[in-house]
C-alpha cells in the first residue's frame, strides 16, 4: 500500500507530536515525583517538630499522672488490704496446724508411751508458701488490671477539646 506524500507528512507530524507529548509527560512525572519527595520530607519534619512534642506533652500531662495514680492506688491496696488479710489467714491456718500437730503428738505419747521416730513423710502437694505466692500473684494481677482499666477508660473531660473547630491563634 502506497501512501501519498501528504499522508506521509501528516503521519510524521503526528508522530512528532506524540513524541513531544511523551517527553512532556515524562518531564511532568519527574517533576511530580520530586514534589512528592519534598512533601514527604516536609511532613516528616513537621511530625518531628510539631506533632511529636504535642503528643509527648499530652502523655506527660494526662496519661502519666493517671497511670501513676493507678499504680499508687493498686500498691496501696495490696500493701494495706491484701497482704494483711492474707497474712492473717495464713497465720491462723498455720497456728491451727501447729496446734493439731501438738495435740496429735501428745495423744500418741500417752497412748503408746514414747513416740517412735518415724521418717518424715515426703511432702505432697503445695505448701503454705505456694498458697501465699498464688494469692499474692492474683492480687498483683488484679492491681495491674485495675490500673490499666483506670488508664484506658473513656474519660470525656480529658480527651475532648473545648472548641475543636476554632483556628489556632497566631
N, C-alpha and C. Protein backbone atom coordinates (compact mmCIF):
# COMPACT_ATOMS: atom_id res chain seq x y z
N UNK A 1 0.84 -1.16 0.00
CA UNK A 1 0.00 0.00 0.00
C UNK A 1 0.90 1.23 0.00
N UNK A 2 0.70 2.06 -0.91
CA UNK A 2 1.50 3.27 -1.06
C UNK A 2 0.74 4.45 -0.48
N UNK A 3 1.47 5.26 0.28
CA UNK A 3 0.89 6.45 0.87
C UNK A 3 1.30 7.66 0.07
N UNK A 4 0.45 8.61 0.04
CA UNK A 4 0.79 9.83 -0.66
C UNK A 4 1.74 10.64 0.21
N UNK A 5 2.41 11.58 -0.42
CA UNK A 5 3.36 12.42 0.32
C UNK A 5 2.64 13.21 1.40
N UNK A 6 1.45 13.64 1.10
CA UNK A 6 0.69 14.41 2.05
C UNK A 6 0.39 13.57 3.30
N UNK A 7 -0.01 12.30 3.10
CA UNK A 7 -0.31 11.41 4.23
C UNK A 7 0.95 11.09 5.02
N UNK A 8 2.06 10.88 4.31
CA UNK A 8 3.33 10.60 5.00
C UNK A 8 3.73 11.80 5.86
N UNK A 9 3.54 13.00 5.32
CA UNK A 9 3.88 14.21 6.06
C UNK A 9 2.98 14.34 7.30
N UNK A 10 1.69 14.07 7.14
CA UNK A 10 0.76 14.14 8.26
C UNK A 10 1.12 13.11 9.34
N UNK A 11 1.50 11.89 8.90
CA UNK A 11 1.89 10.84 9.85
C UNK A 11 3.17 11.21 10.59
N UNK A 12 4.14 11.80 9.90
CA UNK A 12 5.37 12.24 10.55
C UNK A 12 5.07 13.33 11.58
N UNK A 13 4.20 14.28 11.23
CA UNK A 13 3.83 15.34 12.17
C UNK A 13 3.11 14.76 13.39
N UNK A 14 2.22 13.78 13.14
CA UNK A 14 1.51 13.13 14.24
C UNK A 14 2.49 12.39 15.16
N UNK A 15 3.47 11.73 14.54
CA UNK A 15 4.47 11.01 15.34
C UNK A 15 5.33 11.99 16.14
N UNK A 16 5.70 13.11 15.56
CA UNK A 16 6.48 14.11 16.28
C UNK A 16 5.67 14.69 17.45
N UNK A 17 4.40 14.95 17.19
CA UNK A 17 3.54 15.48 18.24
C UNK A 17 3.41 14.47 19.38
N UNK A 18 3.24 13.19 19.02
CA UNK A 18 3.14 12.15 20.03
C UNK A 18 4.44 12.05 20.83
N UNK A 19 5.59 12.13 20.17
CA UNK A 19 6.89 12.08 20.87
C UNK A 19 7.06 13.29 21.79
N UNK A 20 6.63 14.47 21.35
CA UNK A 20 6.72 15.65 22.20
C UNK A 20 5.82 15.50 23.43
N UNK A 21 4.61 14.97 23.19
CA UNK A 21 3.69 14.74 24.30
C UNK A 21 4.30 13.75 25.30
N UNK A 22 4.91 12.68 24.80
CA UNK A 22 5.54 11.67 25.66
C UNK A 22 6.66 12.30 26.49
N UNK A 23 7.50 13.11 25.85
CA UNK A 23 8.59 13.77 26.57
C UNK A 23 8.05 14.73 27.63
N UNK A 24 6.99 15.45 27.28
CA UNK A 24 6.38 16.39 28.23
C UNK A 24 5.82 15.63 29.43
N UNK A 25 5.16 14.50 29.18
CA UNK A 25 4.61 13.70 30.27
C UNK A 25 5.73 13.16 31.16
N UNK A 26 6.82 12.69 30.56
CA UNK A 26 7.94 12.19 31.35
C UNK A 26 8.53 13.29 32.22
N UNK A 27 8.67 14.46 31.66
CA UNK A 27 9.20 15.60 32.43
C UNK A 27 8.24 15.97 33.57
N UNK A 28 6.93 15.97 33.26
CA UNK A 28 5.92 16.28 34.27
C UNK A 28 5.93 15.24 35.40
N UNK A 29 6.03 13.96 35.06
CA UNK A 29 6.09 12.90 36.09
C UNK A 29 7.35 13.03 36.94
N UNK A 30 8.45 13.38 36.33
CA UNK A 30 9.70 13.57 37.06
C UNK A 30 9.56 14.73 38.05
N UNK A 31 8.97 15.83 37.60
CA UNK A 31 8.74 16.98 38.49
C UNK A 31 7.77 16.60 39.62
N UNK A 32 6.71 15.85 39.30
CA UNK A 32 5.73 15.45 40.31
C UNK A 32 6.36 14.54 41.37
N UNK A 33 7.24 13.63 40.94
CA UNK A 33 7.91 12.77 41.93
C UNK A 33 8.84 13.58 42.82
N UNK A 34 9.47 14.61 42.27
CA UNK A 34 10.31 15.48 43.09
C UNK A 34 9.48 16.24 44.11
N UNK A 35 8.31 16.73 43.70
CA UNK A 35 7.42 17.44 44.62
C UNK A 35 6.93 16.49 45.71
N UNK A 36 6.57 15.26 45.34
CA UNK A 36 6.11 14.28 46.33
C UNK A 36 7.21 13.94 47.33
N UNK A 37 8.44 13.78 46.85
CA UNK A 37 9.57 13.52 47.74
C UNK A 37 9.76 14.65 48.74
N UNK A 38 9.71 15.88 48.24
CA UNK A 38 9.89 17.05 49.11
C UNK A 38 8.73 17.15 50.11
N UNK A 39 7.51 16.85 49.66
CA UNK A 39 6.36 16.88 50.57
C UNK A 39 6.52 15.84 51.67
N UNK A 40 7.02 14.65 51.34
CA UNK A 40 7.27 13.63 52.36
C UNK A 40 8.31 14.08 53.36
N UNK A 41 9.35 14.71 52.87
CA UNK A 41 10.40 15.21 53.77
C UNK A 41 9.86 16.29 54.69
N UNK A 42 9.06 17.21 54.14
CA UNK A 42 8.47 18.27 54.95
C UNK A 42 7.48 17.70 55.97
N UNK A 43 6.73 16.68 55.58
CA UNK A 43 5.79 16.04 56.50
C UNK A 43 6.56 15.39 57.66
N UNK A 44 7.67 14.74 57.38
CA UNK A 44 8.49 14.17 58.44
C UNK A 44 9.01 15.23 59.39
N UNK A 45 9.47 16.35 58.82
CA UNK A 45 9.95 17.46 59.66
C UNK A 45 8.82 18.01 60.52
N UNK A 46 7.65 18.17 59.94
CA UNK A 46 6.50 18.68 60.70
C UNK A 46 6.15 17.73 61.84
N UNK A 47 6.18 16.44 61.55
CA UNK A 47 5.88 15.45 62.59
C UNK A 47 6.87 15.52 63.74
N UNK A 48 8.15 15.64 63.41
CA UNK A 48 9.18 15.71 64.46
C UNK A 48 9.11 17.03 65.24
N UNK A 49 8.82 18.13 64.54
CA UNK A 49 8.88 19.43 65.19
C UNK A 49 7.57 19.86 65.86
N UNK A 50 6.43 19.42 65.33
CA UNK A 50 5.14 19.89 65.85
C UNK A 50 4.33 18.78 66.53
N UNK A 51 4.15 17.67 65.84
CA UNK A 51 3.25 16.62 66.34
C UNK A 51 3.87 15.89 67.53
N UNK A 52 5.10 15.47 67.41
CA UNK A 52 5.75 14.71 68.48
C UNK A 52 5.79 15.46 69.80
N UNK A 53 6.18 16.74 69.83
CA UNK A 53 6.14 17.45 71.12
C UNK A 53 4.73 17.59 71.69
N UNK A 54 3.74 17.77 70.83
CA UNK A 54 2.36 17.87 71.31
C UNK A 54 1.91 16.56 71.93
N UNK A 55 2.21 15.46 71.26
CA UNK A 55 1.84 14.14 71.78
C UNK A 55 2.59 13.87 73.09
N UNK A 56 3.86 14.18 73.13
CA UNK A 56 4.64 13.97 74.35
C UNK A 56 4.09 14.80 75.51
N UNK A 57 3.70 16.04 75.21
CA UNK A 57 3.11 16.89 76.25
C UNK A 57 1.79 16.28 76.74
N UNK A 58 0.98 15.77 75.83
CA UNK A 58 -0.28 15.13 76.22
C UNK A 58 -0.04 13.92 77.09
N UNK A 59 0.95 13.13 76.74
CA UNK A 59 1.28 11.94 77.55
C UNK A 59 1.75 12.37 78.93
N UNK A 60 2.65 13.36 78.97
CA UNK A 60 3.17 13.82 80.25
C UNK A 60 2.08 14.47 81.11
N UNK A 61 1.13 15.15 80.47
CA UNK A 61 0.11 15.88 81.21
C UNK A 61 -1.04 14.99 81.65
N UNK A 62 -1.50 14.08 80.79
CA UNK A 62 -2.71 13.33 81.08
C UNK A 62 -2.45 11.86 81.41
N UNK A 63 -1.67 11.18 80.59
CA UNK A 63 -1.53 9.73 80.73
C UNK A 63 -0.64 9.37 81.91
N UNK A 64 0.53 9.98 82.01
CA UNK A 64 1.48 9.62 83.07
C UNK A 64 0.89 9.83 84.46
N UNK A 65 0.24 10.96 84.76
CA UNK A 65 -0.34 11.10 86.10
C UNK A 65 -1.44 10.07 86.38
N UNK A 66 -2.24 9.75 85.37
CA UNK A 66 -3.31 8.77 85.57
C UNK A 66 -2.72 7.39 85.85
N UNK A 67 -1.72 7.02 85.09
CA UNK A 67 -1.06 5.73 85.33
C UNK A 67 -0.39 5.72 86.69
N UNK A 68 0.25 6.83 87.04
CA UNK A 68 0.89 6.93 88.35
C UNK A 68 -0.11 6.79 89.48
N UNK A 69 -1.28 7.46 89.35
CA UNK A 69 -2.31 7.34 90.38
C UNK A 69 -2.82 5.91 90.46
N UNK A 70 -3.01 5.27 89.30
CA UNK A 70 -3.47 3.88 89.30
C UNK A 70 -2.47 2.95 89.97
N UNK A 71 -1.19 3.15 89.68
CA UNK A 71 -0.17 2.33 90.32
C UNK A 71 -0.11 2.59 91.82
N UNK A 72 -0.21 3.86 92.21
CA UNK A 72 -0.19 4.18 93.64
C UNK A 72 -1.39 3.56 94.36
N UNK A 73 -2.57 3.65 93.73
CA UNK A 73 -3.76 3.06 94.34
C UNK A 73 -3.65 1.54 94.45
N UNK A 74 -3.15 0.91 93.38
CA UNK A 74 -3.02 -0.55 93.44
C UNK A 74 -1.96 -0.97 94.45
N UNK A 75 -0.86 -0.23 94.53
CA UNK A 75 0.18 -0.54 95.50
C UNK A 75 -0.35 -0.38 96.93
N UNK A 76 -1.09 0.70 97.15
CA UNK A 76 -1.67 0.93 98.48
C UNK A 76 -2.69 -0.16 98.81
N UNK A 77 -3.50 -0.56 97.84
CA UNK A 77 -4.49 -1.61 98.07
C UNK A 77 -3.81 -2.92 98.45
N UNK A 78 -2.76 -3.28 97.72
CA UNK A 78 -2.05 -4.53 98.02
C UNK A 78 -1.39 -4.44 99.39
N UNK A 79 -0.71 -3.33 99.67
CA UNK A 79 0.02 -3.21 100.92
C UNK A 79 -0.90 -3.06 102.14
N UNK A 80 -2.00 -2.33 101.97
CA UNK A 80 -2.86 -2.02 103.12
C UNK A 80 -3.97 -3.05 103.35
N UNK A 81 -4.40 -3.73 102.29
CA UNK A 81 -5.54 -4.64 102.46
C UNK A 81 -5.23 -6.09 102.16
N UNK A 82 -4.57 -6.35 101.03
CA UNK A 82 -4.37 -7.74 100.60
C UNK A 82 -3.36 -8.45 101.49
N UNK A 83 -2.19 -7.84 101.67
CA UNK A 83 -1.13 -8.51 102.44
C UNK A 83 -1.56 -8.73 103.89
N UNK A 84 -2.15 -7.75 104.59
CA UNK A 84 -2.59 -8.04 105.96
C UNK A 84 -3.65 -9.14 106.02
N UNK A 85 -4.59 -9.13 105.08
CA UNK A 85 -5.63 -10.16 105.09
C UNK A 85 -5.04 -11.55 104.83
N UNK A 86 -4.16 -11.63 103.85
CA UNK A 86 -3.53 -12.91 103.54
C UNK A 86 -2.64 -13.35 104.69
N UNK A 87 -1.92 -12.43 105.27
CA UNK A 87 -1.07 -12.77 106.42
C UNK A 87 -1.88 -13.29 107.59
N UNK A 88 -3.01 -12.65 107.86
CA UNK A 88 -3.86 -13.11 108.96
C UNK A 88 -4.42 -14.50 108.70
N UNK A 89 -4.88 -14.73 107.49
CA UNK A 89 -5.45 -16.05 107.14
C UNK A 89 -4.37 -17.12 107.22
N UNK A 90 -3.22 -16.83 106.64
CA UNK A 90 -2.14 -17.83 106.65
C UNK A 90 -1.65 -18.07 108.07
N UNK A 91 -1.51 -17.01 108.86
CA UNK A 91 -1.08 -17.17 110.24
C UNK A 91 -2.06 -18.00 111.04
N UNK A 92 -3.35 -17.75 110.86
CA UNK A 92 -4.36 -18.55 111.56
C UNK A 92 -4.30 -20.01 111.13
N UNK A 93 -4.16 -20.23 109.83
CA UNK A 93 -4.11 -21.61 109.34
C UNK A 93 -2.88 -22.34 109.89
N UNK A 94 -1.75 -21.65 109.92
CA UNK A 94 -0.53 -22.30 110.43
C UNK A 94 -0.63 -22.57 111.92
N UNK A 95 -1.25 -21.67 112.68
CA UNK A 95 -1.39 -21.91 114.11
C UNK A 95 -2.34 -23.07 114.37
N UNK A 96 -3.39 -23.21 113.58
CA UNK A 96 -4.29 -24.36 113.71
C UNK A 96 -3.55 -25.65 113.39
N UNK A 97 -2.73 -25.64 112.36
CA UNK A 97 -1.95 -26.85 112.00
C UNK A 97 -0.97 -27.18 113.12
N UNK A 98 -0.29 -26.18 113.68
CA UNK A 98 0.64 -26.42 114.77
C UNK A 98 -0.07 -26.98 116.00
N UNK A 99 -1.22 -26.42 116.33
CA UNK A 99 -1.98 -26.90 117.48
C UNK A 99 -2.43 -28.34 117.26
N UNK A 100 -2.88 -28.66 116.04
CA UNK A 100 -3.31 -30.03 115.74
C UNK A 100 -2.14 -31.00 115.83
N UNK A 101 -0.98 -30.59 115.34
CA UNK A 101 0.20 -31.46 115.43
C UNK A 101 0.61 -31.69 116.88
N UNK A 102 0.57 -30.64 117.70
CA UNK A 102 0.95 -30.78 119.11
C UNK A 102 -0.03 -31.70 119.83
N UNK A 103 -1.31 -31.54 119.57
CA UNK A 103 -2.32 -32.40 120.20
C UNK A 103 -2.14 -33.85 119.77
N UNK A 104 -1.89 -34.06 118.51
CA UNK A 104 -1.69 -35.42 118.00
C UNK A 104 -0.46 -36.06 118.63
N UNK A 105 0.61 -35.27 118.78
CA UNK A 105 1.83 -35.81 119.38
C UNK A 105 1.59 -36.16 120.85
N UNK A 106 0.84 -35.34 121.60
CA UNK A 106 0.53 -35.63 123.00
C UNK A 106 -0.31 -36.89 123.12
N UNK A 107 -1.31 -37.03 122.26
CA UNK A 107 -2.16 -38.22 122.30
C UNK A 107 -1.37 -39.48 121.97
N UNK A 108 -0.47 -39.38 121.01
CA UNK A 108 0.34 -40.55 120.64
C UNK A 108 1.28 -40.91 121.78
N UNK A 109 1.83 -39.92 122.48
CA UNK A 109 2.75 -40.20 123.58
C UNK A 109 2.01 -40.85 124.75
N UNK A 110 0.80 -40.44 125.03
CA UNK A 110 0.03 -41.03 126.11
C UNK A 110 -0.38 -42.46 125.78
N UNK A 111 -0.77 -42.69 124.55
CA UNK A 111 -1.31 -43.99 124.17
C UNK A 111 -0.20 -45.04 124.02
N UNK A 112 0.89 -44.70 123.42
CA UNK A 112 1.92 -45.70 123.11
C UNK A 112 3.22 -45.47 123.87
N UNK A 113 3.25 -44.67 124.82
CA UNK A 113 4.49 -44.37 125.51
C UNK A 113 5.24 -43.31 124.71
N UNK A 114 6.52 -43.48 124.60
CA UNK A 114 7.31 -42.54 123.83
C UNK A 114 7.10 -42.80 122.34
N UNK A 115 6.90 -41.77 121.58
CA UNK A 115 6.69 -41.99 120.14
C UNK A 115 7.97 -42.48 119.48
N UNK A 116 7.80 -43.39 118.53
CA UNK A 116 8.92 -43.92 117.76
C UNK A 116 9.19 -42.92 116.63
N UNK A 117 10.47 -42.61 116.50
CA UNK A 117 10.82 -41.65 115.46
C UNK A 117 10.66 -42.32 114.10
N UNK A 118 9.73 -41.86 113.36
CA UNK A 118 9.49 -42.40 112.02
C UNK A 118 10.06 -41.42 111.01
N UNK A 119 10.46 -41.93 109.86
CA UNK A 119 10.97 -41.00 108.84
C UNK A 119 9.86 -40.04 108.41
N UNK A 120 10.25 -38.83 108.19
CA UNK A 120 9.27 -37.81 107.80
C UNK A 120 8.71 -38.17 106.43
N UNK A 121 7.40 -38.12 106.31
CA UNK A 121 6.81 -38.44 105.01
C UNK A 121 7.15 -37.38 103.98
N UNK A 122 7.27 -37.82 102.75
CA UNK A 122 7.58 -36.88 101.66
C UNK A 122 6.41 -35.92 101.50
N UNK A 123 6.73 -34.66 101.26
CA UNK A 123 5.68 -33.66 101.11
C UNK A 123 4.92 -33.93 99.82
N UNK A 124 3.63 -33.77 99.91
CA UNK A 124 2.79 -33.91 98.73
C UNK A 124 2.01 -32.62 98.55
N UNK A 125 1.88 -32.23 97.31
CA UNK A 125 1.08 -31.05 97.02
C UNK A 125 1.79 -29.75 97.35
N UNK A 126 1.01 -28.72 97.44
CA UNK A 126 1.53 -27.38 97.62
C UNK A 126 1.52 -27.02 99.09
N UNK A 127 2.57 -26.34 99.53
CA UNK A 127 2.66 -25.91 100.91
C UNK A 127 2.08 -24.52 101.09
N UNK A 128 2.28 -24.00 102.30
CA UNK A 128 1.75 -22.68 102.63
C UNK A 128 2.43 -21.59 101.78
N UNK A 129 3.71 -21.76 101.48
CA UNK A 129 4.42 -20.78 100.66
C UNK A 129 3.84 -20.70 99.26
N UNK A 130 3.47 -21.83 98.71
CA UNK A 130 2.85 -21.84 97.38
C UNK A 130 1.51 -21.15 97.38
N UNK A 131 0.72 -21.38 98.43
CA UNK A 131 -0.59 -20.74 98.54
C UNK A 131 -0.42 -19.22 98.65
N UNK A 132 0.53 -18.79 99.47
CA UNK A 132 0.78 -17.35 99.62
C UNK A 132 1.23 -16.75 98.29
N UNK A 133 2.11 -17.46 97.59
CA UNK A 133 2.59 -16.95 96.31
C UNK A 133 1.45 -16.82 95.30
N UNK A 134 0.55 -17.80 95.27
CA UNK A 134 -0.58 -17.73 94.34
C UNK A 134 -1.50 -16.56 94.69
N UNK A 135 -1.78 -16.39 95.97
CA UNK A 135 -2.67 -15.30 96.38
C UNK A 135 -2.05 -13.94 96.06
N UNK A 136 -0.77 -13.78 96.37
CA UNK A 136 -0.10 -12.50 96.07
C UNK A 136 -0.02 -12.26 94.57
N UNK A 137 0.22 -13.32 93.79
CA UNK A 137 0.26 -13.17 92.33
C UNK A 137 -1.09 -12.75 91.78
N UNK A 138 -2.17 -13.36 92.29
CA UNK A 138 -3.51 -12.98 91.84
C UNK A 138 -3.83 -11.55 92.23
N UNK A 139 -3.42 -11.14 93.42
CA UNK A 139 -3.67 -9.76 93.86
C UNK A 139 -2.88 -8.78 92.99
N UNK A 140 -1.64 -9.12 92.67
CA UNK A 140 -0.83 -8.23 91.82
C UNK A 140 -1.44 -8.13 90.42
N UNK A 141 -1.91 -9.26 89.87
CA UNK A 141 -2.54 -9.23 88.55
C UNK A 141 -3.80 -8.38 88.58
N UNK A 142 -4.59 -8.51 89.65
CA UNK A 142 -5.80 -7.70 89.76
C UNK A 142 -5.44 -6.21 89.85
N UNK A 143 -4.38 -5.89 90.58
CA UNK A 143 -3.96 -4.49 90.69
C UNK A 143 -3.51 -3.95 89.34
N UNK A 144 -2.80 -4.75 88.56
CA UNK A 144 -2.35 -4.31 87.24
C UNK A 144 -3.56 -4.09 86.32
N UNK A 145 -4.52 -5.02 86.34
CA UNK A 145 -5.71 -4.85 85.52
C UNK A 145 -6.50 -3.63 85.94
N UNK A 146 -6.58 -3.37 87.24
CA UNK A 146 -7.29 -2.19 87.72
C UNK A 146 -6.59 -0.92 87.24
N UNK A 147 -5.26 -0.88 87.33
CA UNK A 147 -4.52 0.30 86.87
C UNK A 147 -4.70 0.50 85.38
N UNK A 148 -4.67 -0.59 84.60
CA UNK A 148 -4.88 -0.48 83.15
C UNK A 148 -6.29 0.01 82.85
N UNK A 149 -7.27 -0.47 83.60
CA UNK A 149 -8.65 -0.05 83.38
C UNK A 149 -8.79 1.44 83.68
N UNK A 150 -8.19 1.89 84.78
CA UNK A 150 -8.25 3.31 85.12
C UNK A 150 -7.59 4.16 84.05
N UNK A 151 -6.53 3.65 83.45
CA UNK A 151 -5.80 4.40 82.44
C UNK A 151 -6.57 4.47 81.13
N UNK A 152 -7.18 3.37 80.73
CA UNK A 152 -7.77 3.28 79.40
C UNK A 152 -9.27 3.55 79.35
N UNK A 153 -9.90 3.80 80.48
CA UNK A 153 -11.34 4.04 80.44
C UNK A 153 -11.63 5.36 79.74
N UNK A 154 -12.83 5.46 79.23
CA UNK A 154 -13.22 6.67 78.49
C UNK A 154 -13.48 7.78 79.50
N UNK A 155 -12.68 8.81 79.42
CA UNK A 155 -12.82 9.95 80.31
C UNK A 155 -12.98 11.18 79.43
N UNK A 156 -14.22 11.57 79.17
CA UNK A 156 -14.52 12.61 78.18
C UNK A 156 -13.83 13.92 78.48
N UNK A 157 -13.75 14.30 79.72
CA UNK A 157 -13.19 15.60 80.04
C UNK A 157 -11.70 15.67 79.81
N UNK A 158 -11.02 14.53 79.72
CA UNK A 158 -9.58 14.55 79.49
C UNK A 158 -9.23 14.64 78.01
N UNK A 159 -10.09 14.13 77.14
CA UNK A 159 -9.69 13.94 75.75
C UNK A 159 -10.40 14.87 74.77
N UNK A 160 -11.47 15.53 75.14
CA UNK A 160 -12.22 16.35 74.20
C UNK A 160 -11.80 17.80 74.36
N UNK A 161 -11.47 18.43 73.25
CA UNK A 161 -11.08 19.84 73.28
C UNK A 161 -12.32 20.70 73.51
N UNK A 162 -12.13 21.90 74.07
CA UNK A 162 -13.24 22.79 74.34
C UNK A 162 -13.90 23.27 73.05
N UNK A 163 -13.09 23.73 72.09
CA UNK A 163 -13.61 24.25 70.84
C UNK A 163 -12.74 23.72 69.70
N UNK A 164 -13.03 22.51 69.18
CA UNK A 164 -12.13 21.91 68.19
C UNK A 164 -12.17 22.59 66.84
N UNK A 165 -13.20 23.40 66.52
CA UNK A 165 -13.31 23.99 65.20
C UNK A 165 -12.63 25.35 65.09
N UNK A 166 -12.23 25.93 66.20
CA UNK A 166 -11.61 27.24 66.18
C UNK A 166 -10.17 27.13 65.68
N UNK A 167 -9.77 28.04 64.83
CA UNK A 167 -8.40 28.05 64.30
C UNK A 167 -7.44 28.48 65.38
N UNK A 168 -6.22 27.92 65.40
CA UNK A 168 -5.25 28.33 66.42
C UNK A 168 -4.84 29.78 66.26
N UNK A 169 -4.62 30.43 67.39
CA UNK A 169 -4.23 31.84 67.36
C UNK A 169 -2.76 31.97 67.05
N UNK A 170 -2.41 32.96 66.23
CA UNK A 170 -1.02 33.13 65.83
C UNK A 170 -0.28 34.04 66.77
